[in-house]
């Protein structure tokens, strides 16, 4: 089951790169590097989700990162409002 998911991710990524690379031909090296980096990050996330489907998503990571800031802002608004 896992191998099928990994092969599926690899196939989709290969099709995306083959389709988009023709349009990137006249582009600069910087744009190709950015495209490669984004494809690489997407591939890593897709593979991790195939290997561990219960992995928290990006929105849950944002909740963990910004929760202290939200709590601080709530305390400040309560103090200011009265």
PDB file of N, CA and C in Angstrom:
ATOM      1  N   UNK A   1       0.822  -1.194   0.000  1.00  0.00           N
ATOM      2  CA  UNK A   1       0.000   0.000   0.000  1.00  0.00           C
ATOM      3  C   UNK A   1       0.868   1.261   0.000  1.00  0.00           C
ATOM      4  N   UNK A   2       1.895   1.267   0.841  1.00  0.00           N
ATOM      5  CA  UNK A   2       2.759   2.445   0.918  1.00  0.00           C
ATOM      6  C   UNK A   2       3.508   2.643  -0.390  1.00  0.00           C
ATOM      7  N   UNK A   3       3.987   1.532  -0.985  1.00  0.00           N
ATOM      8  CA  UNK A   3       4.734   1.660  -2.242  1.00  0.00           C
ATOM      9  C   UNK A   3       3.854   2.219  -3.350  1.00  0.00           C
ATOM     10  N   UNK A   4       2.597   1.838  -3.367  1.00  0.00           N
ATOM     11  CA  UNK A   4       1.678   2.371  -4.366  1.00  0.00           C
ATOM     12  C   UNK A   4       1.492   3.867  -4.210  1.00  0.00           C
ATOM     13  N   UNK A   5       1.363   4.315  -2.959  1.00  0.00           N
ATOM     14  CA  UNK A   5       1.230   5.749  -2.706  1.00  0.00           C
ATOM     15  C   UNK A   5       2.469   6.517  -3.101  1.00  0.00           C
ATOM     16  N   UNK A   6       3.628   5.954  -2.788  1.00  0.00           N
ATOM     17  CA  UNK A   6       4.880   6.620  -3.144  1.00  0.00           C
ATOM     18  C   UNK A   6       5.071   6.675  -4.659  1.00  0.00           C
ATOM     19  N   UNK A   7       4.722   5.586  -5.338  1.00  0.00           N
ATOM     20  CA  UNK A   7       4.806   5.593  -6.802  1.00  0.00           C
ATOM     21  C   UNK A   7       3.808   6.577  -7.411  1.00  0.00           C
ATOM     22  N   UNK A   8       2.638   6.676  -6.814  1.00  0.00           N
ATOM     23  CA  UNK A   8       1.652   7.641  -7.288  1.00  0.00           C
ATOM     24  C   UNK A   8       2.134   9.073  -7.126  1.00  0.00           C
ATOM     25  N   UNK A   9       2.731   9.372  -5.979  1.00  0.00           N
ATOM     26  CA  UNK A   9       3.278  10.713  -5.752  1.00  0.00           C
ATOM     27  C   UNK A   9       4.386  11.002  -6.760  1.00  0.00           C
ATOM     28  N   UNK A  10       5.269  10.025  -6.971  1.00  0.00           N
ATOM     29  CA  UNK A  10       6.361  10.212  -7.920  1.00  0.00           C
ATOM     30  C   UNK A  10       5.834  10.426  -9.339  1.00  0.00           C
ATOM     31  N   UNK A  11       4.803   9.684  -9.716  1.00  0.00           N
ATOM     32  CA  UNK A  11       4.232   9.835 -11.057  1.00  0.00           C
ATOM     33  C   UNK A  11       3.601  11.207 -11.240  1.00  0.00           C
ATOM     34  N   UNK A  12       2.855  11.667 -10.247  1.00  0.00           N
ATOM     35  CA  UNK A  12       2.218  12.983 -10.345  1.00  0.00           C
ATOM     36  C   UNK A  12       3.276  14.084 -10.409  1.00  0.00           C
ATOM     37  N   UNK A  13       4.308  13.970  -9.590  1.00  0.00           N
ATOM     38  CA  UNK A  13       5.374  14.968  -9.621  1.00  0.00           C
ATOM     39  C   UNK A  13       6.088  14.974 -10.969  1.00  0.00           C
ATOM     40  N   UNK A  14       6.358  13.792 -11.514  1.00  0.00           N
ATOM     41  CA  UNK A  14       7.014  13.713 -12.821  1.00  0.00           C
ATOM     42  C   UNK A  14       6.157  14.352 -13.911  1.00  0.00           C
ATOM     43  N   UNK A  15       4.854  14.087 -13.884  1.00  0.00           N
ATOM     44  CA  UNK A  15       3.957  14.695 -14.870  1.00  0.00           C
ATOM     45  C   UNK A  15       3.910  16.211 -14.723  1.00  0.00           C
ATOM     46  N   UNK A  16       3.903  16.691 -13.491  1.00  0.00           N
ATOM     47  CA  UNK A  16       3.889  18.137 -13.269  1.00  0.00           C
ATOM     48  C   UNK A  16       5.151  18.781 -13.828  1.00  0.00           C
ATOM     49  N   UNK A  17       6.302  18.180 -13.540  1.00  0.00           N
ATOM     50  CA  UNK A  17       7.561  18.756 -14.010  1.00  0.00           C
ATOM     51  C   UNK A  17       7.639  18.696 -15.533  1.00  0.00           C
ATOM     52  N   UNK A  18       7.261  17.566 -16.134  1.00  0.00           N
ATOM     53  CA  UNK A  18       7.289  17.456 -17.596  1.00  0.00           C
ATOM     54  C   UNK A  18       6.373  18.481 -18.260  1.00  0.00           C
ATOM     55  N   UNK A  19       5.214  18.684 -17.678  1.00  0.00           N
ATOM     56  CA  UNK A  19       4.260  19.641 -18.253  1.00  0.00           C
ATOM     57  C   UNK A  19       4.743  21.084 -18.102  1.00  0.00           C
ATOM     58  N   UNK A  20       5.256  21.422 -16.949  1.00  0.00           N
ATOM     59  CA  UNK A  20       5.619  22.811 -16.679  1.00  0.00           C
ATOM     60  C   UNK A  20       7.008  23.185 -17.187  1.00  0.00           C
ATOM     61  N   UNK A  21       7.882  22.223 -17.373  1.00  0.00           N
ATOM     62  CA  UNK A  21       9.267  22.552 -17.729  1.00  0.00           C
ATOM     63  C   UNK A  21       9.347  23.221 -19.098  1.00  0.00           C
ATOM     64  N   UNK A  22       8.451  22.858 -20.025  1.00  0.00           N
ATOM     65  CA  UNK A  22       8.449  23.496 -21.346  1.00  0.00           C
ATOM     66  C   UNK A  22       8.152  24.981 -21.233  1.00  0.00           C
ATOM     67  N   UNK A  23       7.274  25.351 -20.304  1.00  0.00           N
ATOM     68  CA  UNK A  23       6.938  26.760 -20.125  1.00  0.00           C
ATOM     69  C   UNK A  23       8.029  27.514 -19.390  1.00  0.00           C
ATOM     70  N   UNK A  24       8.893  26.798 -18.675  1.00  0.00           N
ATOM     71  CA  UNK A  24       9.979  27.434 -17.943  1.00  0.00           C
ATOM     72  C   UNK A  24      11.241  27.611 -18.785  1.00  0.00           C
ATOM     73  N   UNK A  25      11.265  27.114 -19.989  1.00  0.00           N
ATOM     74  CA  UNK A  25      12.472  27.167 -20.814  1.00  0.00           C
ATOM     75  C   UNK A  25      13.017  28.575 -20.995  1.00  0.00           C
ATOM     76  N   UNK A  26      12.185  29.560 -21.346  1.00  0.00           N
ATOM     77  CA  UNK A  26      12.739  30.902 -21.535  1.00  0.00           C
ATOM     78  C   UNK A  26      12.965  31.653 -20.210  1.00  0.00           C
ATOM     79  N   UNK A  27      12.592  31.068 -19.099  1.00  0.00           N
ATOM     80  CA  UNK A  27      12.702  31.751 -17.813  1.00  0.00           C
ATOM     81  C   UNK A  27      14.133  31.766 -17.313  1.00  0.00           C
ATOM     82  N   UNK A  28      14.340  32.560 -16.309  1.00  0.00           N
ATOM     83  CA  UNK A  28      15.672  32.686 -15.744  1.00  0.00           C
ATOM     84  C   UNK A  28      16.003  31.517 -14.830  1.00  0.00           C
ATOM     85  N   UNK A  29      17.282  31.434 -14.472  1.00  0.00           N
ATOM     86  CA  UNK A  29      17.737  30.368 -13.592  1.00  0.00           C
ATOM     87  C   UNK A  29      17.095  30.507 -12.210  1.00  0.00           C
ATOM     88  N   UNK A  30      16.852  31.727 -11.778  1.00  0.00           N
ATOM     89  CA  UNK A  30      16.234  31.967 -10.475  1.00  0.00           C
ATOM     90  C   UNK A  30      14.820  31.394 -10.424  1.00  0.00           C
ATOM     91  N   UNK A  31      14.067  31.557 -11.490  1.00  0.00           N
ATOM     92  CA  UNK A  31      12.708  31.022 -11.525  1.00  0.00           C
ATOM     93  C   UNK A  31      12.713  29.497 -11.531  1.00  0.00           C
ATOM     94  N   UNK A  32      13.650  28.905 -12.258  1.00  0.00           N
ATOM     95  CA  UNK A  32      13.747  27.443 -12.269  1.00  0.00           C
ATOM     96  C   UNK A  32      14.161  26.916 -10.902  1.00  0.00           C
ATOM     97  N   UNK A  33      15.032  27.641 -10.219  1.00  0.00           N
ATOM     98  CA  UNK A  33      15.446  27.230  -8.877  1.00  0.00           C
ATOM     99  C   UNK A  33      14.272  27.312  -7.909  1.00  0.00           C
ATOM    100  N   UNK A  34      13.500  28.379  -7.994  1.00  0.00           N
ATOM    101  CA  UNK A  34      12.330  28.526  -7.131  1.00  0.00           C
ATOM    102  C   UNK A  34      11.312  27.425  -7.422  1.00  0.00           C
ATOM    103  N   UNK A  35      11.107  27.116  -8.689  1.00  0.00           N
ATOM    104  CA  UNK A  35      10.175  26.052  -9.060  1.00  0.00           C
ATOM    105  C   UNK A  35      10.650  24.715  -8.504  1.00  0.00           C
ATOM    106  N   UNK A  36      11.927  24.443  -8.648  1.00  0.00           N
ATOM    107  CA  UNK A  36      12.483  23.193  -8.131  1.00  0.00           C
ATOM    108  C   UNK A  36      12.359  23.088  -6.618  1.00  0.00           C
ATOM    109  N   UNK A  37      12.588  24.207  -5.929  1.00  0.00           N
ATOM    110  CA  UNK A  37      12.474  24.202  -4.470  1.00  0.00           C
ATOM    111  C   UNK A  37      11.035  23.948  -4.035  1.00  0.00           C
ATOM    112  N   UNK A  38      10.084  24.578  -4.703  1.00  0.00           N
ATOM    113  CA  UNK A  38       8.677  24.371  -4.349  1.00  0.00           C
ATOM    114  C   UNK A  38       8.219  22.949  -4.667  1.00  0.00           C
ATOM    115  N   UNK A  39       8.666  22.419  -5.792  1.00  0.00           N
ATOM    116  CA  UNK A  39       8.331  21.035  -6.124  1.00  0.00           C
ATOM    117  C   UNK A  39       8.952  20.092  -5.104  1.00  0.00           C
ATOM    118  N   UNK A  40      10.182  20.371  -4.707  1.00  0.00           N
ATOM    119  CA  UNK A  40      10.851  19.528  -3.710  1.00  0.00           C
ATOM    120  C   UNK A  40      10.136  19.542  -2.371  1.00  0.00           C
ATOM    121  N   UNK A  41       9.746  20.727  -1.908  1.00  0.00           N
ATOM    122  CA  UNK A  41       9.008  20.818  -0.650  1.00  0.00           C
ATOM    123  C   UNK A  41       7.659  20.111  -0.736  1.00  0.00           C
ATOM    124  N   UNK A  42       6.991  20.275  -1.861  1.00  0.00           N
ATOM    125  CA  UNK A  42       5.719  19.576  -2.049  1.00  0.00           C
ATOM    126  C   UNK A  42       5.898  18.072  -2.061  1.00  0.00           C
ATOM    127  N   UNK A  43       6.982  17.607  -2.679  1.00  0.00           N
ATOM    128  CA  UNK A  43       7.258  16.174  -2.717  1.00  0.00           C
ATOM    129  C   UNK A  43       7.523  15.639  -1.320  1.00  0.00           C
ATOM    130  N   UNK A  44       8.296  16.377  -0.536  1.00  0.00           N
ATOM    131  CA  UNK A  44       8.594  15.941   0.832  1.00  0.00           C
ATOM    132  C   UNK A  44       7.315  15.847   1.659  1.00  0.00           C
ATOM    133  N   UNK A  45       6.470  16.871   1.565  1.00  0.00           N
ATOM    134  CA  UNK A  45       5.212  16.843   2.316  1.00  0.00           C
ATOM    135  C   UNK A  45       4.309  15.704   1.860  1.00  0.00           C
ATOM    136  N   UNK A  46       4.229  15.466   0.549  1.00  0.00           N
ATOM    137  CA  UNK A  46       3.383  14.394   0.042  1.00  0.00           C
ATOM    138  C   UNK A  46       3.891  13.032   0.501  1.00  0.00           C
ATOM    139  N   UNK A  47       5.195  12.833   0.467  1.00  0.00           N
ATOM    140  CA  UNK A  47       5.763  11.552   0.903  1.00  0.00           C
ATOM    141  C   UNK A  47       5.533  11.352   2.388  1.00  0.00           C
ATOM    142  N   UNK A  48       5.722  12.416   3.174  1.00  0.00           N
ATOM    143  CA  UNK A  48       5.478  12.286   4.610  1.00  0.00           C
ATOM    144  C   UNK A  48       4.028  11.956   4.909  1.00  0.00           C
ATOM    145  N   UNK A  49       3.107  12.533   4.150  1.00  0.00           N
ATOM    146  CA  UNK A  49       1.691  12.225   4.356  1.00  0.00           C
ATOM    147  C   UNK A  49       1.353  10.799   3.940  1.00  0.00           C
ATOM    148  N   UNK A  50       2.048  10.269   2.931  1.00  0.00           N
ATOM    149  CA  UNK A  50       1.830   8.869   2.559  1.00  0.00           C
ATOM    150  C   UNK A  50       2.348   7.957   3.659  1.00  0.00           C
ATOM    151  N   UNK A  51       3.513   8.289   4.210  1.00  0.00           N
ATOM    152  CA  UNK A  51       4.111   7.447   5.238  1.00  0.00           C
ATOM    153  C   UNK A  51       3.389   7.548   6.579  1.00  0.00           C
ATOM    154  N   UNK A  52       2.886   8.752   6.917  1.00  0.00           N
ATOM    155  CA  UNK A  52       2.211   8.954   8.201  1.00  0.00           C
ATOM    156  C   UNK A  52       0.960   9.805   7.981  1.00  0.00           C
ATOM    157  N   UNK A  53      -0.166   9.193   7.651  1.00  0.00           N
ATOM    158  CA  UNK A  53      -1.385   9.957   7.358  1.00  0.00           C
ATOM    159  C   UNK A  53      -1.908  10.780   8.535  1.00  0.00           C
ATOM    160  N   UNK A  54      -1.537  10.434   9.763  1.00  0.00           N
ATOM    161  CA  UNK A  54      -2.022  11.161  10.935  1.00  0.00           C
ATOM    162  C   UNK A  54      -1.146  12.359  11.275  1.00  0.00           C
ATOM    163  N   UNK A  55      -0.169  12.668  10.420  1.00  0.00           N
ATOM    164  CA  UNK A  55       0.719  13.798  10.661  1.00  0.00           C
ATOM    165  C   UNK A  55      -0.086  15.099  10.645  1.00  0.00           C
ATOM    166  N   UNK A  56       0.209  16.014  11.588  1.00  0.00           N
ATOM    167  CA  UNK A  56      -0.534  17.276  11.596  1.00  0.00           C
ATOM    168  C   UNK A  56      -0.249  18.091  10.343  1.00  0.00           C
ATOM    169  N   UNK A  57      -1.264  18.790   9.899  1.00  0.00           N
ATOM    170  CA  UNK A  57      -1.124  19.602   8.698  1.00  0.00           C
ATOM    171  C   UNK A  57      -0.567  20.985   9.009  1.00  0.00           C
ATOM    172  N   UNK A  58      -0.338  21.773   7.980  1.00  0.00           N
ATOM    173  CA  UNK A  58       0.234  23.109   8.167  1.00  0.00           C
ATOM    174  C   UNK A  58      -0.630  24.022   9.039  1.00  0.00           C
ATOM    175  N   UNK A  59      -1.954  23.891   8.969  1.00  0.00           N
ATOM    176  CA  UNK A  59      -2.795  24.756   9.796  1.00  0.00           C
ATOM    177  C   UNK A  59      -2.638  24.423  11.272  1.00  0.00           C
ATOM    178  N   UNK A  60      -2.441  23.164  11.578  1.00  0.00           N
ATOM    179  CA  UNK A  60      -2.215  22.784  12.975  1.00  0.00           C
ATOM    180  C   UNK A  60      -0.854  23.286  13.453  1.00  0.00           C
ATOM    181  N   UNK A  61       0.139  23.314  12.561  1.00  0.00           N
ATOM    182  CA  UNK A  61       1.449  23.872  12.929  1.00  0.00           C
ATOM    183  C   UNK A  61       1.314  25.357  13.230  1.00  0.00           C
ATOM    184  N   UNK A  62       0.505  26.066  12.434  1.00  0.00           N
ATOM    185  CA  UNK A  62       0.313  27.500  12.660  1.00  0.00           C
ATOM    186  C   UNK A  62      -0.379  27.744  14.003  1.00  0.00           C
ATOM    187  N   UNK A  63      -1.315  26.881  14.368  1.00  0.00           N
ATOM    188  CA  UNK A  63      -1.965  27.011  15.670  1.00  0.00           C
ATOM    189  C   UNK A  63      -0.946  26.906  16.796  1.00  0.00           C
ATOM    190  N   UNK A  64      -0.036  25.964  16.701  1.00  0.00           N
ATOM    191  CA  UNK A  64       0.984  25.792  17.736  1.00  0.00           C
ATOM    192  C   UNK A  64       1.920  26.998  17.776  1.00  0.00           C
ATOM    193  N   UNK A  65       2.286  27.514  16.614  1.00  0.00           N
ATOM    194  CA  UNK A  65       3.235  28.623  16.552  1.00  0.00           C
ATOM    195  C   UNK A  65       2.613  29.918  17.080  1.00  0.00           C
ATOM    196  N   UNK A  66       1.375  30.199  16.676  1.00  0.00           N
ATOM    197  CA  UNK A  66       0.773  31.489  16.998  1.00  0.00           C
ATOM    198  C   UNK A  66      -0.086  31.488  18.262  1.00  0.00           C
ATOM    199  N   UNK A  67      -0.296  30.355  18.900  1.00  0.00           N
ATOM    200  CA  UNK A  67      -1.134  30.309  20.101  1.00  0.00           C
ATOM    201  C   UNK A  67      -0.620  31.229  21.206  1.00  0.00           C
ATOM    202  N   UNK A  68       0.689  31.255  21.501  1.00  0.00           N
ATOM    203  CA  UNK A  68       1.156  32.193  22.541  1.00  0.00           C
ATOM    204  C   UNK A  68       0.880  33.651  22.183  1.00  0.00           C
ATOM    205  N   UNK A  69       1.024  34.011  20.914  1.00  0.00           N
ATOM    206  CA  UNK A  69       0.755  35.387  20.495  1.00  0.00           C
ATOM    207  C   UNK A  69      -0.723  35.725  20.644  1.00  0.00           C
ATOM    208  N   UNK A  70      -1.583  34.797  20.288  1.00  0.00           N
ATOM    209  CA  UNK A  70      -3.026  35.024  20.421  1.00  0.00           C
ATOM    210  C   UNK A  70      -3.400  35.205  21.891  1.00  0.00           C
ATOM    211  N   UNK A  71      -2.846  34.369  22.759  1.00  0.00           N
ATOM    212  CA  UNK A  71      -3.136  34.497  24.187  1.00  0.00           C
ATOM    213  C   UNK A  71      -2.676  35.841  24.718  1.00  0.00           C
ATOM    214  N   UNK A  72      -1.499  36.303  24.298  1.00  0.00           N
ATOM    215  CA  UNK A  72      -0.983  37.599  24.732  1.00  0.00           C
ATOM    216  C   UNK A  72      -1.883  38.735  24.253  1.00  0.00           C
ATOM    217  N   UNK A  73      -2.302  38.670  22.997  1.00  0.00           N
ATOM    218  CA  UNK A  73      -3.174  39.722  22.474  1.00  0.00           C
ATOM    219  C   UNK A  73      -4.538  39.722  23.160  1.00  0.00           C
ATOM    220  N   UNK A  74      -5.053  38.561  23.505  1.00  0.00           N
ATOM    221  CA  UNK A  74      -6.331  38.500  24.225  1.00  0.00           C
ATOM    222  C   UNK A  74      -6.196  39.129  25.605  1.00  0.00           C
ATOM    223  N   UNK A  75      -5.093  38.862  26.298  1.00  0.00           N
ATOM    224  CA  UNK A  75      -4.872  39.474  27.612  1.00  0.00           C
ATOM    225  C   UNK A  75      -4.766  40.987  27.491  1.00  0.00           C
ATOM    226  N   UNK A  76      -4.053  41.467  26.470  1.00  0.00           N
ATOM    227  CA  UNK A  76      -3.906  42.904  26.290  1.00  0.00           C
ATOM    228  C   UNK A  76      -5.235  43.583  25.977  1.00  0.00           C
ATOM    229  N   UNK A  77      -6.078  42.949  25.176  1.00  0.00           N
ATOM    230  CA  UNK A  77      -7.362  43.567  24.842  1.00  0.00           C
ATOM    231  C   UNK A  77      -8.290  43.560  26.047  1.00  0.00           C
ATOM    232  N   UNK A  78      -8.223  42.535  26.882  1.00  0.00           N
ATOM    233  CA  UNK A  78      -9.046  42.505  28.092  1.00  0.00           C
ATOM    234  C   UNK A  78      -8.600  43.603  29.036  1.00  0.00           C
ATOM    235  N   UNK A  79      -7.311  43.803  29.180  1.00  0.00           N
ATOM    236  CA  UNK A  79      -6.792  44.852  30.081  1.00  0.00           C
ATOM    237  C   UNK A  79      -7.169  46.245  29.566  1.00  0.00           C
ATOM    238  N   UNK A  80      -7.107  46.451  28.272  1.00  0.00           N
ATOM    239  CA  UNK A  80      -7.411  47.772  27.713  1.00  0.00           C
ATOM    240  C   UNK A  80      -8.904  48.083  27.740  1.00  0.00           C
ATOM    241  N   UNK A  81      -9.731  47.035  27.596  1.00  0.00           N
ATOM    242  CA  UNK A  81     -11.157  47.285  27.515  1.00  0.00           C
ATOM    243  C   UNK A  81     -11.803  47.475  28.893  1.00  0.00           C
ATOM    244  N   UNK A  82     -11.062  47.188  29.897  1.00  0.00           N
ATOM    245  CA  UNK A  82     -11.669  47.530  31.133  1.00  0.00           C
ATOM    246  C   UNK A  82     -11.533  46.645  32.256  1.00  0.00           C
TER     247      UNK A  82
END
